[in-house]
PDB file of all heavy atoms in Angstrom:
ATOM      1  N   ALA A   1     104.549 -39.106 -84.767  1.00  0.00           N
ATOM      2  CA  ALA A   1     104.343 -37.821 -85.340  1.00  0.00           C
ATOM      3  C   ALA A   1     102.888 -37.627 -85.873  1.00  0.00           C
ATOM      4  O   ALA A   1     102.311 -36.604 -85.638  1.00  0.00           O
ATOM      5  CB  ALA A   1     105.319 -37.579 -86.461  1.00  0.00           C
ATOM      6  N   THR A   2     102.368 -38.735 -86.407  1.00  0.00           N
ATOM      7  CA  THR A   2     101.050 -38.565 -86.976  1.00  0.00           C
ATOM      8  C   THR A   2      99.994 -38.505 -85.773  1.00  0.00           C
ATOM      9  O   THR A   2      99.030 -37.791 -85.898  1.00  0.00           O
ATOM     10  CB  THR A   2     100.657 -39.814 -87.877  1.00  0.00           C
ATOM     11  OG1 THR A   2     100.866 -40.999 -87.179  1.00  0.00           O
ATOM     12  CG2 THR A   2     101.484 -39.834 -89.133  1.00  0.00           C
ATOM     13  N   ILE A   3     100.252 -39.233 -84.684  1.00  0.00           N
ATOM     14  CA  ILE A   3      99.371 -39.170 -83.552  1.00  0.00           C
ATOM     15  C   ILE A   3      99.410 -37.719 -82.903  1.00  0.00           C
ATOM     16  O   ILE A   3      98.355 -37.136 -82.581  1.00  0.00           O
ATOM     17  CB  ILE A   3      99.736 -40.186 -82.424  1.00  0.00           C
ATOM     18  CG1 ILE A   3      99.441 -41.631 -82.909  1.00  0.00           C
ATOM     19  CG2 ILE A   3      99.050 -39.906 -81.156  1.00  0.00           C
ATOM     20  CD1 ILE A   3      99.925 -42.704 -82.019  1.00  0.00           C
ATOM     21  N   LEU A   4     100.631 -37.130 -82.837  1.00  0.00           N
ATOM     22  CA  LEU A   4     100.697 -35.836 -82.252  1.00  0.00           C
ATOM     23  C   LEU A   4     100.106 -34.787 -83.229  1.00  0.00           C
ATOM     24  O   LEU A   4      99.390 -33.900 -82.753  1.00  0.00           O
ATOM     25  CB  LEU A   4     102.198 -35.393 -82.060  1.00  0.00           C
ATOM     26  CG  LEU A   4     102.948 -36.008 -80.817  1.00  0.00           C
ATOM     27  CD1 LEU A   4     104.371 -35.625 -80.772  1.00  0.00           C
ATOM     28  CD2 LEU A   4     102.164 -35.505 -79.533  1.00  0.00           C
ATOM     29  N   SER A   5     100.255 -34.989 -84.502  1.00  0.00           N
ATOM     30  CA  SER A   5      99.595 -34.024 -85.363  1.00  0.00           C
ATOM     31  C   SER A   5      98.085 -34.075 -85.449  1.00  0.00           C
ATOM     32  O   SER A   5      97.456 -33.055 -85.452  1.00  0.00           O
ATOM     33  CB  SER A   5     100.173 -34.066 -86.834  1.00  0.00           C
ATOM     34  OG  SER A   5     100.208 -35.392 -87.201  1.00  0.00           O
ATOM     35  N   ILE A   6      97.571 -35.245 -85.348  1.00  0.00           N
ATOM     36  CA  ILE A   6      96.076 -35.395 -85.311  1.00  0.00           C
ATOM     37  C   ILE A   6      95.577 -34.816 -84.008  1.00  0.00           C
ATOM     38  O   ILE A   6      94.562 -34.049 -83.995  1.00  0.00           O
ATOM     39  CB  ILE A   6      95.639 -36.904 -85.397  1.00  0.00           C
ATOM     40  CG1 ILE A   6      95.889 -37.302 -86.896  1.00  0.00           C
ATOM     41  CG2 ILE A   6      94.230 -37.090 -85.000  1.00  0.00           C
ATOM     42  CD1 ILE A   6      95.706 -38.780 -87.155  1.00  0.00           C
ATOM     43  N   GLY A   7      96.178 -35.121 -82.915  1.00  0.00           N
ATOM     44  CA  GLY A   7      95.818 -34.501 -81.645  1.00  0.00           C
ATOM     45  C   GLY A   7      95.922 -32.976 -81.624  1.00  0.00           C
ATOM     46  O   GLY A   7      95.083 -32.284 -81.142  1.00  0.00           O
ATOM     47  N   ALA A   8      96.979 -32.407 -82.263  1.00  0.00           N
ATOM     48  CA  ALA A   8      97.162 -30.951 -82.303  1.00  0.00           C
ATOM     49  C   ALA A   8      96.111 -30.362 -83.125  1.00  0.00           C
ATOM     50  O   ALA A   8      95.574 -29.267 -82.822  1.00  0.00           O
ATOM     51  CB  ALA A   8      98.563 -30.648 -82.844  1.00  0.00           C
ATOM     52  N   VAL A   9      95.843 -30.832 -84.344  1.00  0.00           N
ATOM     53  CA  VAL A   9      94.790 -30.332 -85.190  1.00  0.00           C
ATOM     54  C   VAL A   9      93.417 -30.358 -84.504  1.00  0.00           C
ATOM     55  O   VAL A   9      92.696 -29.389 -84.493  1.00  0.00           O
ATOM     56  CB  VAL A   9      94.725 -31.023 -86.536  1.00  0.00           C
ATOM     57  CG1 VAL A   9      93.529 -30.661 -87.344  1.00  0.00           C
ATOM     58  CG2 VAL A   9      95.985 -30.747 -87.326  1.00  0.00           C
ATOM     59  N   ALA A  10      93.120 -31.490 -83.897  1.00  0.00           N
ATOM     60  CA  ALA A  10      91.831 -31.592 -83.245  1.00  0.00           C
ATOM     61  C   ALA A  10      91.726 -30.597 -82.005  1.00  0.00           C
ATOM     62  O   ALA A  10      90.655 -29.943 -81.877  1.00  0.00           O
ATOM     63  CB  ALA A  10      91.562 -33.029 -82.698  1.00  0.00           C
ATOM     64  N   THR A  11      92.767 -30.502 -81.250  1.00  0.00           N
ATOM     65  CA  THR A  11      92.774 -29.534 -80.181  1.00  0.00           C
ATOM     66  C   THR A  11      92.620 -28.139 -80.737  1.00  0.00           C
ATOM     67  O   THR A  11      91.877 -27.336 -80.163  1.00  0.00           O
ATOM     68  CB  THR A  11      94.039 -29.706 -79.332  1.00  0.00           C
ATOM     69  OG1 THR A  11      94.179 -31.031 -78.951  1.00  0.00           O
ATOM     70  CG2 THR A  11      94.081 -28.794 -78.162  1.00  0.00           C
ATOM     71  N   PHE A  12      93.298 -27.751 -81.828  1.00  0.00           N
ATOM     72  CA  PHE A  12      93.307 -26.445 -82.320  1.00  0.00           C
ATOM     73  C   PHE A  12      91.924 -26.083 -82.802  1.00  0.00           C
ATOM     74  O   PHE A  12      91.346 -24.979 -82.384  1.00  0.00           O
ATOM     75  CB  PHE A  12      94.258 -26.359 -83.484  1.00  0.00           C
ATOM     76  CG  PHE A  12      94.308 -24.973 -84.179  1.00  0.00           C
ATOM     77  CD1 PHE A  12      94.843 -23.889 -83.503  1.00  0.00           C
ATOM     78  CD2 PHE A  12      93.739 -24.865 -85.398  1.00  0.00           C
ATOM     79  CE1 PHE A  12      94.843 -22.675 -84.141  1.00  0.00           C
ATOM     80  CE2 PHE A  12      93.770 -23.601 -86.048  1.00  0.00           C
ATOM     81  CZ  PHE A  12      94.245 -22.495 -85.419  1.00  0.00           C
ATOM     82  N   TYR A  13      91.232 -26.931 -83.634  1.00  0.00           N
ATOM     83  CA  TYR A  13      89.953 -26.544 -84.114  1.00  0.00           C
ATOM     84  C   TYR A  13      88.918 -26.537 -83.015  1.00  0.00           C
ATOM     85  O   TYR A  13      87.908 -25.827 -83.097  1.00  0.00           O
ATOM     86  CB  TYR A  13      89.571 -27.287 -85.354  1.00  0.00           C
ATOM     87  CG  TYR A  13      89.046 -28.725 -85.162  1.00  0.00           C
ATOM     88  CD1 TYR A  13      87.869 -29.033 -84.645  1.00  0.00           C
ATOM     89  CD2 TYR A  13      89.853 -29.816 -85.651  1.00  0.00           C
ATOM     90  CE1 TYR A  13      87.397 -30.316 -84.551  1.00  0.00           C
ATOM     91  CE2 TYR A  13      89.438 -31.043 -85.524  1.00  0.00           C
ATOM     92  CZ  TYR A  13      88.249 -31.272 -84.941  1.00  0.00           C
ATOM     93  OH  TYR A  13      87.784 -32.557 -84.848  1.00  0.00           O
ATOM     94  N   SER A  14      89.020 -27.433 -82.021  1.00  0.00           N
ATOM     95  CA  SER A  14      88.081 -27.474 -80.970  1.00  0.00           C
ATOM     96  C   SER A  14      88.260 -26.157 -80.119  1.00  0.00           C
ATOM     97  O   SER A  14      87.214 -25.652 -79.619  1.00  0.00           O
ATOM     98  CB  SER A  14      88.300 -28.644 -80.036  1.00  0.00           C
ATOM     99  OG  SER A  14      88.144 -29.889 -80.768  1.00  0.00           O
ATOM    100  N   ALA A  15      89.396 -25.740 -79.763  1.00  0.00           N
ATOM    101  CA  ALA A  15      89.679 -24.557 -79.005  1.00  0.00           C
ATOM    102  C   ALA A  15      89.244 -23.315 -79.795  1.00  0.00           C
ATOM    103  O   ALA A  15      88.683 -22.350 -79.177  1.00  0.00           O
ATOM    104  CB  ALA A  15      91.141 -24.443 -78.618  1.00  0.00           C
ATOM    105  N   LEU A  16      89.473 -23.313 -81.097  1.00  0.00           N
ATOM    106  CA  LEU A  16      89.198 -22.088 -81.885  1.00  0.00           C
ATOM    107  C   LEU A  16      87.661 -22.035 -82.166  1.00  0.00           C
ATOM    108  O   LEU A  16      87.063 -20.912 -81.927  1.00  0.00           O
ATOM    109  CB  LEU A  16      89.914 -22.177 -83.234  1.00  0.00           C
ATOM    110  CG  LEU A  16      90.185 -20.919 -83.922  1.00  0.00           C
ATOM    111  CD1 LEU A  16      91.020 -19.911 -83.084  1.00  0.00           C
ATOM    112  CD2 LEU A  16      90.937 -21.198 -85.187  1.00  0.00           C
ATOM    113  N   GLY A  17      87.012 -23.073 -82.488  1.00  0.00           N
ATOM    114  CA  GLY A  17      85.616 -23.112 -82.907  1.00  0.00           C
ATOM    115  C   GLY A  17      84.642 -23.567 -81.923  1.00  0.00           C
ATOM    116  O   GLY A  17      83.467 -23.421 -82.121  1.00  0.00           O
ATOM    117  N   GLY A  18      85.106 -24.158 -80.835  1.00  0.00           N
ATOM    118  CA  GLY A  18      84.223 -24.671 -79.769  1.00  0.00           C
ATOM    119  C   GLY A  18      83.418 -25.851 -80.230  1.00  0.00           C
ATOM    120  O   GLY A  18      83.762 -26.580 -81.113  1.00  0.00           O
ATOM    121  N   ILE A  19      82.320 -26.008 -79.590  1.00  0.00           N
ATOM    122  CA  ILE A  19      81.417 -27.109 -79.889  1.00  0.00           C
ATOM    123  C   ILE A  19      80.932 -27.103 -81.241  1.00  0.00           C
ATOM    124  O   ILE A  19      80.659 -28.151 -81.940  1.00  0.00           O
ATOM    125  CB  ILE A  19      80.298 -27.248 -78.806  1.00  0.00           C
ATOM    126  CG1 ILE A  19      79.634 -28.658 -78.995  1.00  0.00           C
ATOM    127  CG2 ILE A  19      79.313 -26.152 -78.991  1.00  0.00           C
ATOM    128  CD1 ILE A  19      80.469 -29.841 -78.514  1.00  0.00           C
ATOM    129  N   LYS A  20      80.671 -25.950 -81.791  1.00  0.00           N
ATOM    130  CA  LYS A  20      80.214 -25.794 -83.170  1.00  0.00           C
ATOM    131  C   LYS A  20      81.158 -26.404 -84.180  1.00  0.00           C
ATOM    132  O   LYS A  20      80.796 -27.112 -85.070  1.00  0.00           O
ATOM    133  CB  LYS A  20      79.998 -24.328 -83.524  1.00  0.00           C
ATOM    134  CG  LYS A  20      79.218 -24.022 -84.828  1.00  0.00           C
ATOM    135  CD  LYS A  20      78.939 -22.531 -84.911  1.00  0.00           C
ATOM    136  CE  LYS A  20      78.124 -22.260 -86.192  1.00  0.00           C
ATOM    137  NZ  LYS A  20      77.798 -20.849 -86.270  1.00  0.00           N
ATOM    138  N   ALA A  21      82.515 -26.121 -84.036  1.00  0.00           N
ATOM    139  CA  ALA A  21      83.532 -26.776 -84.853  1.00  0.00           C
ATOM    140  C   ALA A  21      83.517 -28.336 -84.775  1.00  0.00           C
ATOM    141  O   ALA A  21      83.630 -28.975 -85.738  1.00  0.00           O
ATOM    142  CB  ALA A  21      84.855 -26.199 -84.559  1.00  0.00           C
ATOM    143  N   VAL A  22      83.362 -28.762 -83.477  1.00  0.00           N
ATOM    144  CA  VAL A  22      83.337 -30.208 -83.307  1.00  0.00           C
ATOM    145  C   VAL A  22      82.122 -30.829 -83.947  1.00  0.00           C
ATOM    146  O   VAL A  22      82.229 -31.902 -84.600  1.00  0.00           O
ATOM    147  CB  VAL A  22      83.297 -30.562 -81.779  1.00  0.00           C
ATOM    148  CG1 VAL A  22      83.166 -31.994 -81.481  1.00  0.00           C
ATOM    149  CG2 VAL A  22      84.606 -30.089 -81.137  1.00  0.00           C
ATOM    150  N   ILE A  23      80.951 -30.180 -83.879  1.00  0.00           N
ATOM    151  CA  ILE A  23      79.775 -30.716 -84.528  1.00  0.00           C
ATOM    152  C   ILE A  23      79.882 -30.791 -86.005  1.00  0.00           C
ATOM    153  O   ILE A  23      79.599 -31.812 -86.593  1.00  0.00           O
ATOM    154  CB  ILE A  23      78.522 -29.991 -84.092  1.00  0.00           C
ATOM    155  CG1 ILE A  23      78.217 -30.246 -82.581  1.00  0.00           C
ATOM    156  CG2 ILE A  23      77.322 -30.274 -84.838  1.00  0.00           C
ATOM    157  CD1 ILE A  23      77.159 -29.279 -81.931  1.00  0.00           C
ATOM    158  N   TRP A  24      80.335 -29.653 -86.604  1.00  0.00           N
ATOM    159  CA  TRP A  24      80.521 -29.638 -88.097  1.00  0.00           C
ATOM    160  C   TRP A  24      81.571 -30.688 -88.538  1.00  0.00           C
ATOM    161  O   TRP A  24      81.410 -31.297 -89.571  1.00  0.00           O
ATOM    162  CB  TRP A  24      80.825 -28.265 -88.537  1.00  0.00           C
ATOM    163  CG  TRP A  24      79.602 -27.461 -88.686  1.00  0.00           C
ATOM    164  CD1 TRP A  24      79.206 -26.414 -87.909  1.00  0.00           C
ATOM    165  CD2 TRP A  24      78.494 -27.639 -89.606  1.00  0.00           C
ATOM    166  NE1 TRP A  24      77.986 -25.956 -88.211  1.00  0.00           N
ATOM    167  CE2 TRP A  24      77.528 -26.707 -89.321  1.00  0.00           C
ATOM    168  CE3 TRP A  24      78.315 -28.600 -90.627  1.00  0.00           C
ATOM    169  CZ2 TRP A  24      76.319 -26.645 -90.031  1.00  0.00           C
ATOM    170  CZ3 TRP A  24      77.119 -28.476 -91.289  1.00  0.00           C
ATOM    171  CH2 TRP A  24      76.259 -27.566 -91.082  1.00  0.00           C
ATOM    172  N   THR A  25      82.615 -30.831 -87.732  1.00  0.00           N
ATOM    173  CA  THR A  25      83.558 -31.898 -88.089  1.00  0.00           C
ATOM    174  C   THR A  25      82.968 -33.311 -88.022  1.00  0.00           C
ATOM    175  O   THR A  25      83.152 -34.044 -88.898  1.00  0.00           O
ATOM    176  CB  THR A  25      84.767 -31.788 -87.051  1.00  0.00           C
ATOM    177  OG1 THR A  25      85.354 -30.480 -87.146  1.00  0.00           O
ATOM    178  CG2 THR A  25      85.800 -32.826 -87.422  1.00  0.00           C
ATOM    179  N   ASP A  26      82.147 -33.499 -87.008  1.00  0.00           N
ATOM    180  CA  ASP A  26      81.472 -34.811 -86.931  1.00  0.00           C
ATOM    181  C   ASP A  26      80.516 -34.955 -88.087  1.00  0.00           C
ATOM    182  O   ASP A  26      80.357 -36.046 -88.660  1.00  0.00           O
ATOM    183  CB  ASP A  26      80.593 -34.949 -85.644  1.00  0.00           C
ATOM    184  CG  ASP A  26      81.506 -35.101 -84.394  1.00  0.00           C
ATOM    185  OD1 ASP A  26      82.698 -35.510 -84.583  1.00  0.00           O
ATOM    186  OD2 ASP A  26      81.091 -34.985 -83.268  1.00  0.00           O
ATOM    187  N   VAL A  27      79.754 -33.943 -88.516  1.00  0.00           N
ATOM    188  CA  VAL A  27      78.862 -34.036 -89.710  1.00  0.00           C
ATOM    189  C   VAL A  27      79.691 -34.309 -90.953  1.00  0.00           C
ATOM    190  O   VAL A  27      79.288 -35.202 -91.660  1.00  0.00           O
ATOM    191  CB  VAL A  27      78.132 -32.676 -89.879  1.00  0.00           C
ATOM    192  CG1 VAL A  27      77.392 -32.584 -91.222  1.00  0.00           C
ATOM    193  CG2 VAL A  27      77.125 -32.498 -88.685  1.00  0.00           C
ATOM    194  N   PHE A  28      80.810 -33.667 -91.106  1.00  0.00           N
ATOM    195  CA  PHE A  28      81.609 -33.878 -92.314  1.00  0.00           C
ATOM    196  C   PHE A  28      82.184 -35.293 -92.297  1.00  0.00           C
ATOM    197  O   PHE A  28      82.175 -35.911 -93.356  1.00  0.00           O
ATOM    198  CB  PHE A  28      82.803 -32.834 -92.312  1.00  0.00           C
ATOM    199  CG  PHE A  28      83.768 -33.060 -93.460  1.00  0.00           C
ATOM    200  CD1 PHE A  28      83.441 -32.729 -94.758  1.00  0.00           C
ATOM    201  CD2 PHE A  28      85.039 -33.671 -93.195  1.00  0.00           C
ATOM    202  CE1 PHE A  28      84.312 -32.985 -95.827  1.00  0.00           C
ATOM    203  CE2 PHE A  28      85.887 -33.830 -94.276  1.00  0.00           C
ATOM    204  CZ  PHE A  28      85.535 -33.499 -95.506  1.00  0.00           C
ATOM    205  N   GLN A  29      82.628 -35.720 -91.184  1.00  0.00           N
ATOM    206  CA  GLN A  29      83.140 -37.155 -91.046  1.00  0.00           C
ATOM    207  C   GLN A  29      81.994 -38.150 -91.337  1.00  0.00           C
ATOM    208  O   GLN A  29      82.249 -39.097 -92.054  1.00  0.00           O
ATOM    209  CB  GLN A  29      83.674 -37.340 -89.620  1.00  0.00           C
ATOM    210  CG  GLN A  29      84.252 -38.724 -89.434  1.00  0.00           C
ATOM    211  CD  GLN A  29      84.760 -38.995 -88.001  1.00  0.00           C
ATOM    212  OE1 GLN A  29      84.537 -38.187 -87.164  1.00  0.00           O
ATOM    213  NE2 GLN A  29      85.370 -40.071 -87.850  1.00  0.00           N
ATOM    214  N   ALA A  30      80.844 -38.012 -90.855  1.00  0.00           N
ATOM    215  CA  ALA A  30      79.649 -38.837 -91.118  1.00  0.00           C
ATOM    216  C   ALA A  30      79.345 -38.889 -92.628  1.00  0.00           C
ATOM    217  O   ALA A  30      79.116 -39.920 -93.207  1.00  0.00           O
ATOM    218  CB  ALA A  30      78.432 -38.489 -90.329  1.00  0.00           C
ATOM    219  N   VAL A  31      79.333 -37.701 -93.240  1.00  0.00           N
ATOM    220  CA  VAL A  31      79.061 -37.655 -94.621  1.00  0.00           C
ATOM    221  C   VAL A  31      80.185 -38.401 -95.485  1.00  0.00           C
ATOM    222  O   VAL A  31      79.916 -39.173 -96.392  1.00  0.00           O
ATOM    223  CB  VAL A  31      78.914 -36.216 -95.178  1.00  0.00           C
ATOM    224  CG1 VAL A  31      78.847 -36.138 -96.633  1.00  0.00           C
ATOM    225  CG2 VAL A  31      77.569 -35.603 -94.534  1.00  0.00           C
ATOM    226  N   MET A  32      81.413 -38.125 -95.100  1.00  0.00           N
ATOM    227  CA  MET A  32      82.522 -38.877 -95.771  1.00  0.00           C
ATOM    228  C   MET A  32      82.504 -40.384 -95.597  1.00  0.00           C
ATOM    229  O   MET A  32      82.706 -41.115 -96.531  1.00  0.00           O
ATOM    230  CB  MET A  32      83.843 -38.333 -95.313  1.00  0.00           C
ATOM    231  CG  MET A  32      84.217 -36.974 -95.669  1.00  0.00           C
ATOM    232  SD  MET A  32      84.430 -36.845 -97.553  1.00  0.00           S
ATOM    233  CE  MET A  32      83.016 -35.957 -98.028  1.00  0.00           C
ATOM    234  N   MET A  33      82.100 -40.807 -94.370  1.00  0.00           N
ATOM    235  CA  MET A  33      82.004 -42.235 -94.126  1.00  0.00           C
ATOM    236  C   MET A  33      80.928 -42.853 -94.937  1.00  0.00           C
ATOM    237  O   MET A  33      81.017 -43.957 -95.497  1.00  0.00           O
ATOM    238  CB  MET A  33      81.799 -42.481 -92.631  1.00  0.00           C
ATOM    239  CG  MET A  33      83.112 -42.209 -91.818  1.00  0.00           C
ATOM    240  SD  MET A  33      82.878 -42.287 -90.014  1.00  0.00           S
ATOM    241  CE  MET A  33      82.277 -43.940 -89.860  1.00  0.00           C
ATOM    242  N   LEU A  34      79.729 -42.194 -94.976  1.00  0.00           N
ATOM    243  CA  LEU A  34      78.644 -42.678 -95.763  1.00  0.00           C
ATOM    244  C   LEU A  34      78.922 -42.693 -97.263  1.00  0.00           C
ATOM    245  O   LEU A  34      78.622 -43.652 -97.878  1.00  0.00           O
ATOM    246  CB  LEU A  34      77.335 -41.806 -95.420  1.00  0.00           C
ATOM    247  CG  LEU A  34      76.076 -42.234 -96.111  1.00  0.00           C
ATOM    248  CD1 LEU A  34      75.691 -43.607 -95.630  1.00  0.00           C
ATOM    249  CD2 LEU A  34      74.993 -41.297 -95.783  1.00  0.00           C
ATOM    250  N   ALA A  35      79.535 -41.684 -97.718  1.00  0.00           N
ATOM    251  CA  ALA A  35      79.948 -41.666 -99.127  1.00  0.00           C
ATOM    252  C   ALA A  35      80.913 -42.737 -99.492  1.00  0.00           C
ATOM    253  O   ALA A  35      80.826 -43.421-100.531  1.00  0.00           O
ATOM    254  CB  ALA A  35      80.577 -40.262 -99.502  1.00  0.00           C
ATOM    255  N   GLY A  36      81.889 -42.987 -98.550  1.00  0.00           N
ATOM    256  CA  GLY A  36      82.862 -44.040 -98.784  1.00  0.00           C
ATOM    257  C   GLY A  36      82.237 -45.447 -98.796  1.00  0.00           C
ATOM    258  O   GLY A  36      82.462 -46.310 -99.648  1.00  0.00           O
ATOM    259  N   LEU A  37      81.259 -45.694 -97.831  1.00  0.00           N
ATOM    260  CA  LEU A  37      80.566 -46.866 -97.804  1.00  0.00           C
ATOM    261  C   LEU A  37      79.758 -47.135 -99.077  1.00  0.00           C
ATOM    262  O   LEU A  37      79.706 -48.202 -99.616  1.00  0.00           O
ATOM    263  CB  LEU A  37      79.680 -46.961 -96.542  1.00  0.00           C
ATOM    264  CG  LEU A  37      78.725 -48.082 -96.393  1.00  0.00           C
ATOM    265  CD1 LEU A  37      79.640 -49.338 -96.130  1.00  0.00           C
ATOM    266  CD2 LEU A  37      77.805 -47.877 -95.284  1.00  0.00           C
ATOM    267  N   LEU A  38      79.052 -46.082 -99.477  1.00  0.00           N
ATOM    268  CA  LEU A  38      78.235 -46.168-100.714  1.00  0.00           C
ATOM    269  C   LEU A  38      79.082 -46.462-101.923  1.00  0.00           C
ATOM    270  O   LEU A  38      78.716 -47.291-102.785  1.00  0.00           O
ATOM    271  CB  LEU A  38      77.324 -44.898-100.877  1.00  0.00           C
ATOM    272  CG  LEU A  38      76.151 -44.782 -99.927  1.00  0.00           C
ATOM    273  CD1 LEU A  38      75.549 -43.406-100.130  1.00  0.00           C
ATOM    274  CD2 LEU A  38      75.209 -45.973-100.251  1.00  0.00           C
ATOM    275  N   ALA A  39      80.190 -45.792-102.019  1.00  0.00           N
ATOM    276  CA  ALA A  39      81.137 -46.015-103.046  1.00  0.00           C
ATOM    277  C   ALA A  39      81.631 -47.438-103.169  1.00  0.00           C
ATOM    278  O   ALA A  39      81.690 -48.095-104.228  1.00  0.00           O
ATOM    279  CB  ALA A  39      82.322 -45.054-103.044  1.00  0.00           C
ATOM    280  N   VAL A  40      81.980 -48.023-102.044  1.00  0.00           N
ATOM    281  CA  VAL A  40      82.487 -49.402-101.927  1.00  0.00           C
ATOM    282  C   VAL A  40      81.377 -50.402-102.345  1.00  0.00           C
ATOM    283  O   VAL A  40      81.570 -51.332-103.144  1.00  0.00           O
ATOM    284  CB  VAL A  40      83.004 -49.722-100.486  1.00  0.00           C
ATOM    285  CG1 VAL A  40      83.214 -51.198-100.445  1.00  0.00           C
ATOM    286  CG2 VAL A  40      84.288 -49.004-100.330  1.00  0.00           C
ATOM    287  N   VAL A  41      80.169 -50.161-101.825  1.00  0.00           N
ATOM    288  CA  VAL A  41      79.024 -51.001-102.119  1.00  0.00           C
ATOM    289  C   VAL A  41      78.654 -50.921-103.604  1.00  0.00           C
ATOM    290  O   VAL A  41      78.513 -51.985-104.297  1.00  0.00           O
ATOM    291  CB  VAL A  41      77.743 -50.728-101.240  1.00  0.00           C
ATOM    292  CG1 VAL A  41      76.573 -51.360-101.779  1.00  0.00           C
ATOM    293  CG2 VAL A  41      78.148 -51.042 -99.784  1.00  0.00           C
TER     294      VAL A  41
END
């Protein structure tokens, strides 16, 4: 169920927002990963 929901959400925002949505999602993900890494360190 979690695999299907992640796939559905990613497909939905990619179809709705196109490459711009994908790029902003990648930017958000990179910022969150960097913030998490800095918090742990």
